[in-house]
Amino acid sequence: MEVIKPSKTVKESKSLMPPIIYLILGLILAFKSNEATTLLFWIIGVVVIVFGIKTFIEYYRNKEVAQYKNLNLTVALASIIIGVLLIILANALEIGLRYVLGFFLIYFGVSRLLTQISFQDYKNMAALSNIILIIMGIFSIFVSNAIFVIVGWILILNAVLLFFDYLKN
C-alpha cells in the first residue's frame, strides 16, 4: 500500500489567543473557582429567562393558532421562574455543588481504601490515589471546588506550554 503525502507542506499559523484564553480561564478557576461557579449559575439563569421571554412572545404571537397554547404559556412562566431562582440561589447552589462533590470524593476514596485494606492490597500507588481523593473531598467542602481548581491549574500549564511552543516557532 502506498502512502500519499501532500506535495506542499502548509505551515500552521500559530496564534497567541488560545494560550491567553487558557491562562485567563485557568487563573479564574484556580484562584476564584467559587465565584466562577456562581457566575456560571447566573449565566445559566439569564439564558433560561431569555428562553422563557422568547417563548412568552411566541405564545402571544400565535395564541390563536397554536394547538397547545397553554403549554407554551406554562413553559414560558416556568422558564422565567426557574431562571430567577437560579440567579437568586446561585451562591447556595455553588455551596451545594461543592458539598456534593466533596462528599462524593470522600466516599469514593474511603470505600476504595477500605476495599484495598480488606484485601491487604494497600501498599501500592492506588492507596495513595485514594488518600488524595479524600484530601480533595475535604478541600472541596471547606475551601474551594477541588475539581475546578485542578482544571484551572491544567489550563494554566497548557497555556504556558502553548506559549513556549509559539515562541519556539
N, C-alpha and C. Protein backbone atom coordinates (compact mmCIF):
# COMPACT_ATOMS: atom_id res chain seq x y z
N MET A 1 0.85 -1.17 0.00
CA MET A 1 0.00 0.00 0.00
C MET A 1 0.90 1.23 0.00
N GLU A 2 0.58 2.18 -0.83
CA GLU A 2 1.39 3.39 -0.97
C GLU A 2 0.78 4.51 -0.15
N VAL A 3 1.61 5.20 0.60
CA VAL A 3 1.15 6.33 1.40
C VAL A 3 1.24 7.59 0.56
N ILE A 4 0.14 8.31 0.49
CA ILE A 4 0.09 9.54 -0.29
C ILE A 4 0.42 10.70 0.64
N LYS A 5 1.44 11.44 0.27
CA LYS A 5 1.87 12.58 1.07
C LYS A 5 1.50 13.86 0.33
N PRO A 6 1.17 14.90 1.06
CA PRO A 6 0.87 16.16 0.38
C PRO A 6 2.12 16.71 -0.29
N SER A 7 1.92 17.35 -1.46
CA SER A 7 3.06 17.85 -2.21
C SER A 7 3.68 19.08 -1.57
N LYS A 8 2.87 19.93 -0.96
CA LYS A 8 3.38 21.13 -0.29
C LYS A 8 3.08 21.02 1.20
N THR A 9 4.01 21.43 1.98
CA THR A 9 3.74 21.49 3.41
C THR A 9 3.20 22.87 3.74
N VAL A 10 2.07 22.87 4.36
CA VAL A 10 1.45 24.13 4.76
C VAL A 10 1.85 24.39 6.20
N LYS A 11 2.52 25.51 6.42
CA LYS A 11 2.96 25.84 7.77
C LYS A 11 1.77 26.35 8.56
N GLU A 12 1.59 25.77 9.70
CA GLU A 12 0.46 26.12 10.55
C GLU A 12 0.74 27.48 11.19
N SER A 13 -0.23 28.36 11.06
CA SER A 13 -0.04 29.67 11.68
C SER A 13 -0.47 29.58 13.14
N LYS A 14 0.38 30.02 14.00
CA LYS A 14 0.12 29.97 15.44
C LYS A 14 -0.43 31.31 15.89
N SER A 15 -1.27 31.25 16.89
CA SER A 15 -1.84 32.46 17.45
C SER A 15 -1.60 32.47 18.95
N LEU A 16 -1.51 33.65 19.49
CA LEU A 16 -1.37 33.78 20.95
C LEU A 16 -2.72 33.77 21.66
N MET A 17 -3.81 33.81 20.89
CA MET A 17 -5.12 33.89 21.50
C MET A 17 -5.47 32.67 22.37
N PRO A 18 -5.31 31.43 21.89
CA PRO A 18 -5.64 30.29 22.76
C PRO A 18 -4.86 30.26 24.07
N PRO A 19 -3.52 30.48 24.08
CA PRO A 19 -2.84 30.47 25.38
C PRO A 19 -3.33 31.57 26.32
N ILE A 20 -3.68 32.73 25.75
CA ILE A 20 -4.17 33.83 26.60
C ILE A 20 -5.52 33.45 27.20
N ILE A 21 -6.41 32.88 26.39
CA ILE A 21 -7.72 32.46 26.89
C ILE A 21 -7.57 31.37 27.94
N TYR A 22 -6.72 30.38 27.66
CA TYR A 22 -6.48 29.31 28.63
C TYR A 22 -5.91 29.86 29.93
N LEU A 23 -5.00 30.81 29.81
CA LEU A 23 -4.40 31.39 31.02
C LEU A 23 -5.44 32.13 31.85
N ILE A 24 -6.27 32.93 31.21
CA ILE A 24 -7.30 33.68 31.94
C ILE A 24 -8.29 32.72 32.60
N LEU A 25 -8.80 31.73 31.83
CA LEU A 25 -9.73 30.76 32.41
C LEU A 25 -9.06 29.96 33.52
N GLY A 26 -7.81 29.57 33.31
CA GLY A 26 -7.09 28.81 34.32
C GLY A 26 -6.91 29.59 35.61
N LEU A 27 -6.54 30.86 35.49
CA LEU A 27 -6.37 31.69 36.70
C LEU A 27 -7.69 31.87 37.44
N ILE A 28 -8.76 32.08 36.68
CA ILE A 28 -10.07 32.24 37.31
C ILE A 28 -10.46 30.96 38.04
N LEU A 29 -10.31 29.81 37.38
CA LEU A 29 -10.70 28.55 38.01
C LEU A 29 -9.77 28.17 39.16
N ALA A 30 -8.49 28.45 39.04
CA ALA A 30 -7.54 28.06 40.08
C ALA A 30 -7.70 28.91 41.34
N PHE A 31 -7.97 30.21 41.16
CA PHE A 31 -7.98 31.10 42.32
C PHE A 31 -9.35 31.65 42.68
N LYS A 32 -10.32 31.57 41.79
CA LYS A 32 -11.66 32.10 42.06
C LYS A 32 -12.73 31.11 41.59
N SER A 33 -12.55 29.82 41.89
CA SER A 33 -13.48 28.82 41.37
C SER A 33 -14.87 28.98 41.96
N ASN A 34 -14.97 29.41 43.21
CA ASN A 34 -16.30 29.60 43.80
C ASN A 34 -17.05 30.70 43.08
N GLU A 35 -16.38 31.82 42.80
CA GLU A 35 -17.02 32.93 42.10
C GLU A 35 -17.35 32.54 40.67
N ALA A 36 -16.48 31.74 40.04
CA ALA A 36 -16.74 31.30 38.66
C ALA A 36 -17.97 30.40 38.60
N THR A 37 -18.13 29.54 39.60
CA THR A 37 -19.30 28.67 39.64
C THR A 37 -20.57 29.49 39.85
N THR A 38 -20.51 30.47 40.75
CA THR A 38 -21.66 31.35 40.97
C THR A 38 -22.00 32.11 39.69
N LEU A 39 -20.99 32.63 39.00
CA LEU A 39 -21.21 33.34 37.75
C LEU A 39 -21.83 32.41 36.71
N LEU A 40 -21.40 31.16 36.67
CA LEU A 40 -21.96 30.21 35.74
C LEU A 40 -23.46 30.00 36.00
N PHE A 41 -23.85 29.89 37.27
CA PHE A 41 -25.27 29.77 37.59
C PHE A 41 -26.04 31.02 37.19
N TRP A 42 -25.43 32.20 37.34
CA TRP A 42 -26.05 33.45 36.90
C TRP A 42 -26.27 33.42 35.38
N ILE A 43 -25.25 33.02 34.65
CA ILE A 43 -25.36 32.97 33.19
C ILE A 43 -26.44 31.99 32.75
N ILE A 44 -26.46 30.82 33.36
CA ILE A 44 -27.49 29.83 33.04
C ILE A 44 -28.87 30.39 33.36
N GLY A 45 -29.00 31.08 34.50
CA GLY A 45 -30.27 31.70 34.86
C GLY A 45 -30.74 32.72 33.84
N VAL A 46 -29.81 33.56 33.38
CA VAL A 46 -30.16 34.57 32.37
C VAL A 46 -30.59 33.90 31.07
N VAL A 47 -29.87 32.86 30.66
CA VAL A 47 -30.23 32.16 29.42
C VAL A 47 -31.62 31.54 29.54
N VAL A 48 -31.93 30.95 30.69
CA VAL A 48 -33.25 30.35 30.89
C VAL A 48 -34.34 31.43 30.89
N ILE A 49 -34.06 32.58 31.49
CA ILE A 49 -35.03 33.68 31.47
C ILE A 49 -35.26 34.18 30.05
N VAL A 50 -34.19 34.34 29.29
CA VAL A 50 -34.33 34.79 27.89
C VAL A 50 -35.15 33.78 27.10
N PHE A 51 -34.91 32.48 27.32
CA PHE A 51 -35.71 31.45 26.65
C PHE A 51 -37.18 31.60 27.05
N GLY A 52 -37.44 31.83 28.34
CA GLY A 52 -38.81 32.00 28.80
C GLY A 52 -39.49 33.21 28.17
N ILE A 53 -38.77 34.31 28.07
CA ILE A 53 -39.32 35.52 27.45
C ILE A 53 -39.60 35.26 25.97
N LYS A 54 -38.66 34.58 25.29
CA LYS A 54 -38.86 34.25 23.87
C LYS A 54 -40.10 33.37 23.70
N THR A 55 -40.26 32.38 24.55
CA THR A 55 -41.43 31.50 24.48
C THR A 55 -42.71 32.28 24.78
N PHE A 56 -42.63 33.22 25.72
CA PHE A 56 -43.78 34.06 26.06
C PHE A 56 -44.20 34.91 24.87
N ILE A 57 -43.23 35.49 24.15
CA ILE A 57 -43.52 36.30 22.97
C ILE A 57 -44.13 35.43 21.87
N GLU A 58 -43.57 34.23 21.68
CA GLU A 58 -44.13 33.31 20.69
C GLU A 58 -45.56 32.93 21.05
N TYR A 59 -45.84 32.76 22.33
CA TYR A 59 -47.19 32.43 22.76
C TYR A 59 -48.16 33.54 22.35
N TYR A 60 -47.80 34.79 22.60
CA TYR A 60 -48.71 35.88 22.26
C TYR A 60 -48.84 36.11 20.76
N ARG A 61 -47.79 35.81 19.99
CA ARG A 61 -47.88 35.92 18.54
C ARG A 61 -48.82 34.87 17.95
N ASN A 62 -48.78 33.67 18.52
CA ASN A 62 -49.52 32.54 17.94
C ASN A 62 -50.59 31.99 18.87
N LYS A 63 -51.10 32.79 19.77
CA LYS A 63 -52.02 32.22 20.76
C LYS A 63 -53.34 31.77 20.15
N GLU A 64 -53.74 32.33 19.03
CA GLU A 64 -54.97 31.90 18.38
C GLU A 64 -54.75 30.68 17.49
N VAL A 65 -53.52 30.50 17.01
CA VAL A 65 -53.22 29.44 16.06
C VAL A 65 -52.67 28.20 16.76
N ALA A 66 -51.98 28.40 17.84
CA ALA A 66 -51.24 27.30 18.48
C ALA A 66 -52.19 26.21 18.95
N GLN A 67 -51.78 24.97 18.68
CA GLN A 67 -52.60 23.83 19.07
C GLN A 67 -52.56 23.63 20.58
N TYR A 68 -51.39 23.83 21.18
CA TYR A 68 -51.23 23.67 22.62
C TYR A 68 -50.88 25.03 23.21
N LYS A 69 -51.81 25.96 23.16
CA LYS A 69 -51.49 27.33 23.54
C LYS A 69 -51.15 27.47 25.03
N ASN A 70 -51.79 26.72 25.88
CA ASN A 70 -51.50 26.84 27.31
C ASN A 70 -50.14 26.24 27.66
N LEU A 71 -49.69 25.27 26.86
CA LEU A 71 -48.39 24.65 27.12
C LEU A 71 -47.26 25.66 26.93
N ASN A 72 -47.32 26.47 25.87
CA ASN A 72 -46.29 27.50 25.66
C ASN A 72 -46.27 28.51 26.79
N LEU A 73 -47.43 28.90 27.26
CA LEU A 73 -47.50 29.85 28.37
C LEU A 73 -46.92 29.22 29.64
N THR A 74 -47.20 27.96 29.88
CA THR A 74 -46.67 27.27 31.06
C THR A 74 -45.15 27.14 30.99
N VAL A 75 -44.65 26.77 29.82
CA VAL A 75 -43.20 26.64 29.64
C VAL A 75 -42.53 28.00 29.83
N ALA A 76 -43.13 29.05 29.30
CA ALA A 76 -42.57 30.39 29.43
C ALA A 76 -42.50 30.83 30.89
N LEU A 77 -43.60 30.67 31.61
CA LEU A 77 -43.62 31.08 33.02
C LEU A 77 -42.68 30.23 33.87
N ALA A 78 -42.66 28.92 33.61
CA ALA A 78 -41.75 28.04 34.37
C ALA A 78 -40.30 28.39 34.09
N SER A 79 -39.97 28.70 32.85
CA SER A 79 -38.59 29.07 32.49
C SER A 79 -38.18 30.36 33.20
N ILE A 80 -39.05 31.33 33.21
CA ILE A 80 -38.72 32.60 33.87
C ILE A 80 -38.54 32.39 35.36
N ILE A 81 -39.42 31.61 35.97
CA ILE A 81 -39.31 31.36 37.42
C ILE A 81 -38.03 30.59 37.74
N ILE A 82 -37.73 29.56 36.95
CA ILE A 82 -36.51 28.77 37.19
C ILE A 82 -35.26 29.63 36.99
N GLY A 83 -35.27 30.48 35.96
CA GLY A 83 -34.13 31.37 35.71
C GLY A 83 -33.91 32.33 36.87
N VAL A 84 -34.99 32.91 37.38
CA VAL A 84 -34.88 33.83 38.52
C VAL A 84 -34.36 33.08 39.75
N LEU A 85 -34.86 31.86 39.97
CA LEU A 85 -34.38 31.06 41.11
C LEU A 85 -32.89 30.71 40.97
N LEU A 86 -32.45 30.40 39.74
CA LEU A 86 -31.03 30.12 39.54
C LEU A 86 -30.17 31.33 39.89
N ILE A 87 -30.64 32.51 39.54
CA ILE A 87 -29.88 33.72 39.86
C ILE A 87 -29.90 34.00 41.36
N ILE A 88 -31.08 33.90 41.97
CA ILE A 88 -31.20 34.19 43.41
C ILE A 88 -30.43 33.17 44.24
N LEU A 89 -30.49 31.91 43.85
CA LEU A 89 -29.87 30.84 44.64
C LEU A 89 -28.49 30.44 44.14
N ALA A 90 -27.84 31.27 43.34
CA ALA A 90 -26.54 30.92 42.76
C ALA A 90 -25.51 30.59 43.83
N ASN A 91 -25.44 31.38 44.89
CA ASN A 91 -24.46 31.10 45.95
C ASN A 91 -24.76 29.78 46.66
N ALA A 92 -26.04 29.55 46.95
CA ALA A 92 -26.42 28.31 47.62
C ALA A 92 -26.16 27.10 46.72
N LEU A 93 -26.42 27.24 45.43
CA LEU A 93 -26.15 26.15 44.50
C LEU A 93 -24.66 25.86 44.40
N GLU A 94 -23.84 26.91 44.41
CA GLU A 94 -22.38 26.72 44.38
C GLU A 94 -21.91 25.97 45.61
N ILE A 95 -22.40 26.35 46.77
CA ILE A 95 -22.02 25.67 48.01
C ILE A 95 -22.52 24.22 47.98
N GLY A 96 -23.74 24.02 47.52
CA GLY A 96 -24.28 22.67 47.41
C GLY A 96 -23.47 21.79 46.48
N LEU A 97 -23.07 22.36 45.36
CA LEU A 97 -22.24 21.62 44.41
C LEU A 97 -20.90 21.24 45.03
N ARG A 98 -20.30 22.17 45.78
CA ARG A 98 -19.04 21.87 46.47
C ARG A 98 -19.22 20.73 47.46
N TYR A 99 -20.30 20.79 48.26
CA TYR A 99 -20.54 19.75 49.27
C TYR A 99 -20.80 18.39 48.62
N VAL A 100 -21.63 18.38 47.60
CA VAL A 100 -21.95 17.11 46.93
C VAL A 100 -20.68 16.51 46.33
N LEU A 101 -19.93 17.33 45.62
CA LEU A 101 -18.68 16.85 45.02
C LEU A 101 -17.70 16.41 46.11
N GLY A 102 -17.57 17.19 47.17
CA GLY A 102 -16.65 16.85 48.26
C GLY A 102 -17.01 15.53 48.93
N PHE A 103 -18.30 15.38 49.27
CA PHE A 103 -18.71 14.13 49.92
C PHE A 103 -18.59 12.94 48.98
N PHE A 104 -18.83 13.16 47.68
CA PHE A 104 -18.65 12.08 46.71
C PHE A 104 -17.19 11.65 46.65
N LEU A 105 -16.28 12.60 46.61
CA LEU A 105 -14.85 12.26 46.56
C LEU A 105 -14.41 11.55 47.83
N ILE A 106 -14.89 12.03 48.98
CA ILE A 106 -14.54 11.37 50.25
C ILE A 106 -15.09 9.95 50.27
N TYR A 107 -16.36 9.79 49.90
CA TYR A 107 -16.97 8.45 49.90
C TYR A 107 -16.22 7.51 48.96
N PHE A 108 -15.93 7.99 47.76
CA PHE A 108 -15.24 7.17 46.76
C PHE A 108 -13.85 6.78 47.27
N GLY A 109 -13.11 7.74 47.82
CA GLY A 109 -11.77 7.45 48.33
C GLY A 109 -11.78 6.49 49.51
N VAL A 110 -12.69 6.72 50.45
CA VAL A 110 -12.75 5.86 51.64
C VAL A 110 -13.19 4.45 51.26
N SER A 111 -14.21 4.34 50.40
CA SER A 111 -14.68 2.99 50.05
C SER A 111 -13.61 2.21 49.29
N ARG A 112 -12.89 2.86 48.40
CA ARG A 112 -11.82 2.16 47.68
C ARG A 112 -10.67 1.81 48.62
N LEU A 113 -10.35 2.72 49.55
CA LEU A 113 -9.27 2.46 50.50
C LEU A 113 -9.64 1.29 51.43
N LEU A 114 -10.89 1.26 51.91
CA LEU A 114 -11.32 0.15 52.77
C LEU A 114 -11.32 -1.18 52.01
N THR A 115 -11.68 -1.14 50.74
CA THR A 115 -11.62 -2.37 49.93
C THR A 115 -10.19 -2.85 49.81
N GLN A 116 -9.27 -1.93 49.58
CA GLN A 116 -7.86 -2.33 49.48
C GLN A 116 -7.35 -2.87 50.81
N ILE A 117 -7.74 -2.25 51.90
CA ILE A 117 -7.30 -2.73 53.21
C ILE A 117 -7.87 -4.11 53.49
N SER A 118 -9.13 -4.34 53.12
CA SER A 118 -9.73 -5.65 53.36
C SER A 118 -9.04 -6.75 52.55
N PHE A 119 -8.52 -6.41 51.39
CA PHE A 119 -7.77 -7.38 50.59
C PHE A 119 -6.27 -7.31 50.86
N GLN A 120 -5.88 -6.52 51.83
CA GLN A 120 -4.48 -6.31 52.21
C GLN A 120 -3.63 -5.92 50.99
N ASP A 121 -4.20 -5.01 50.21
CA ASP A 121 -3.53 -4.54 48.99
C ASP A 121 -3.37 -3.02 49.08
N TYR A 122 -2.90 -2.55 50.21
CA TYR A 122 -2.84 -1.11 50.44
C TYR A 122 -1.41 -0.56 50.39
N LYS A 123 -0.47 -1.32 49.92
CA LYS A 123 0.91 -0.87 49.86
C LYS A 123 1.31 -0.56 48.42
N ASN A 124 0.44 0.14 47.70
CA ASN A 124 0.74 0.48 46.31
C ASN A 124 0.26 1.91 46.04
N MET A 125 0.43 2.34 44.80
CA MET A 125 0.09 3.71 44.43
C MET A 125 -1.42 3.96 44.45
N ALA A 126 -2.22 2.92 44.28
CA ALA A 126 -3.68 3.10 44.30
C ALA A 126 -4.15 3.59 45.67
N ALA A 127 -3.50 3.11 46.72
CA ALA A 127 -3.85 3.58 48.06
C ALA A 127 -3.55 5.06 48.20
N LEU A 128 -2.44 5.49 47.65
CA LEU A 128 -2.09 6.92 47.68
C LEU A 128 -3.12 7.74 46.90
N SER A 129 -3.57 7.22 45.76
CA SER A 129 -4.56 7.96 44.97
C SER A 129 -5.88 8.07 45.73
N ASN A 130 -6.23 7.06 46.51
CA ASN A 130 -7.46 7.12 47.32
C ASN A 130 -7.32 8.14 48.44
N ILE A 131 -6.16 8.22 49.03
CA ILE A 131 -5.92 9.24 50.07
C ILE A 131 -6.00 10.63 49.45
N ILE A 132 -5.48 10.78 48.24
CA ILE A 132 -5.57 12.08 47.54
C ILE A 132 -7.03 12.42 47.26
N LEU A 133 -7.85 11.44 46.88
CA LEU A 133 -9.28 11.68 46.67
C LEU A 133 -9.94 12.19 47.94
N ILE A 134 -9.60 11.59 49.07
CA ILE A 134 -10.18 12.01 50.35
C ILE A 134 -9.76 13.44 50.67
N ILE A 135 -8.49 13.76 50.46
CA ILE A 135 -8.00 15.12 50.71
C ILE A 135 -8.69 16.12 49.79
N MET A 136 -8.87 15.75 48.51
CA MET A 136 -9.57 16.63 47.58
C MET A 136 -11.02 16.85 48.01
N GLY A 137 -11.66 15.82 48.53
CA GLY A 137 -13.03 15.96 49.01
C GLY A 137 -13.12 16.92 50.18
N ILE A 138 -12.19 16.80 51.12
CA ILE A 138 -12.16 17.71 52.27
C ILE A 138 -11.87 19.13 51.81
N PHE A 139 -10.95 19.28 50.86
CA PHE A 139 -10.63 20.59 50.29
C PHE A 139 -11.86 21.19 49.63
N SER A 140 -12.61 20.37 48.89
CA SER A 140 -13.81 20.86 48.21
C SER A 140 -14.85 21.36 49.21
N ILE A 141 -15.01 20.66 50.29
CA ILE A 141 -16.04 21.05 51.26
C ILE A 141 -15.65 22.33 52.00
N PHE A 142 -14.40 22.43 52.43
CA PHE A 142 -14.04 23.54 53.31
C PHE A 142 -13.39 24.74 52.62
N VAL A 143 -12.80 24.57 51.44
CA VAL A 143 -12.06 25.66 50.82
C VAL A 143 -12.69 26.08 49.51
N SER A 144 -12.54 25.25 48.52
CA SER A 144 -12.97 25.60 47.17
C SER A 144 -13.21 24.31 46.39
N ASN A 145 -13.87 24.43 45.26
CA ASN A 145 -14.17 23.27 44.45
C ASN A 145 -12.89 22.69 43.88
N ALA A 146 -12.45 21.56 44.41
CA ALA A 146 -11.15 20.98 44.06
C ALA A 146 -11.04 20.64 42.58
N ILE A 147 -12.11 20.15 41.99
CA ILE A 147 -12.05 19.77 40.58
C ILE A 147 -11.80 20.99 39.71
N PHE A 148 -12.49 22.10 40.00
CA PHE A 148 -12.30 23.32 39.22
C PHE A 148 -10.89 23.88 39.42
N VAL A 149 -10.37 23.78 40.62
CA VAL A 149 -9.00 24.25 40.88
C VAL A 149 -8.00 23.43 40.08
N ILE A 150 -8.19 22.12 40.05
CA ILE A 150 -7.29 21.26 39.27
C ILE A 150 -7.40 21.58 37.78
N VAL A 151 -8.62 21.73 37.29
CA VAL A 151 -8.81 22.09 35.88
C VAL A 151 -8.14 23.44 35.60
N GLY A 152 -8.25 24.38 36.54
CA GLY A 152 -7.61 25.68 36.37
C GLY A 152 -6.10 25.55 36.23
N TRP A 153 -5.48 24.74 37.08
CA TRP A 153 -4.03 24.57 37.01
C TRP A 153 -3.62 23.85 35.72
N ILE A 154 -4.45 22.92 35.26
CA ILE A 154 -4.16 22.24 34.00
C ILE A 154 -4.23 23.25 32.84
N LEU A 155 -5.22 24.15 32.87
CA LEU A 155 -5.32 25.17 31.83
C LEU A 155 -4.13 26.13 31.87
N ILE A 156 -3.68 26.48 33.07
CA ILE A 156 -2.51 27.36 33.20
C ILE A 156 -1.28 26.67 32.61
N LEU A 157 -1.08 25.40 32.96
CA LEU A 157 0.05 24.64 32.42
C LEU A 157 -0.04 24.54 30.90
N ASN A 158 -1.23 24.28 30.39
CA ASN A 158 -1.43 24.20 28.95
C ASN A 158 -1.12 25.55 28.28
N ALA A 159 -1.52 26.65 28.91
CA ALA A 159 -1.24 27.97 28.35
C ALA A 159 0.26 28.23 28.29
N VAL A 160 0.98 27.85 29.33
CA VAL A 160 2.44 28.03 29.35
C VAL A 160 3.09 27.20 28.26
N LEU A 161 2.66 25.95 28.10
CA LEU A 161 3.23 25.09 27.06
C LEU A 161 2.93 25.64 25.66
N LEU A 162 1.72 26.11 25.44
CA LEU A 162 1.37 26.69 24.14
C LEU A 162 2.15 27.98 23.87
N PHE A 163 2.39 28.75 24.93
CA PHE A 163 3.17 29.99 24.77
C PHE A 163 4.61 29.67 24.37
N PHE A 164 5.20 28.68 25.03
CA PHE A 164 6.57 28.29 24.66
C PHE A 164 6.62 27.71 23.26
N ASP A 165 5.58 26.97 22.89
CA ASP A 165 5.51 26.44 21.53
C ASP A 165 5.41 27.57 20.52
N TYR A 166 4.66 28.61 20.86
CA TYR A 166 4.53 29.78 19.99
C TYR A 166 5.89 30.48 19.83
N LEU A 167 6.62 30.63 20.93
CA LEU A 167 7.92 31.29 20.88
C LEU A 167 8.96 30.46 20.11
N LYS A 168 8.84 29.15 20.20
CA LYS A 168 9.78 28.25 19.53
C LYS A 168 9.66 28.37 18.01
N ASN A 169 8.44 28.56 17.52
CA ASN A 169 8.24 28.66 16.07
C ASN A 169 8.34 30.08 15.70
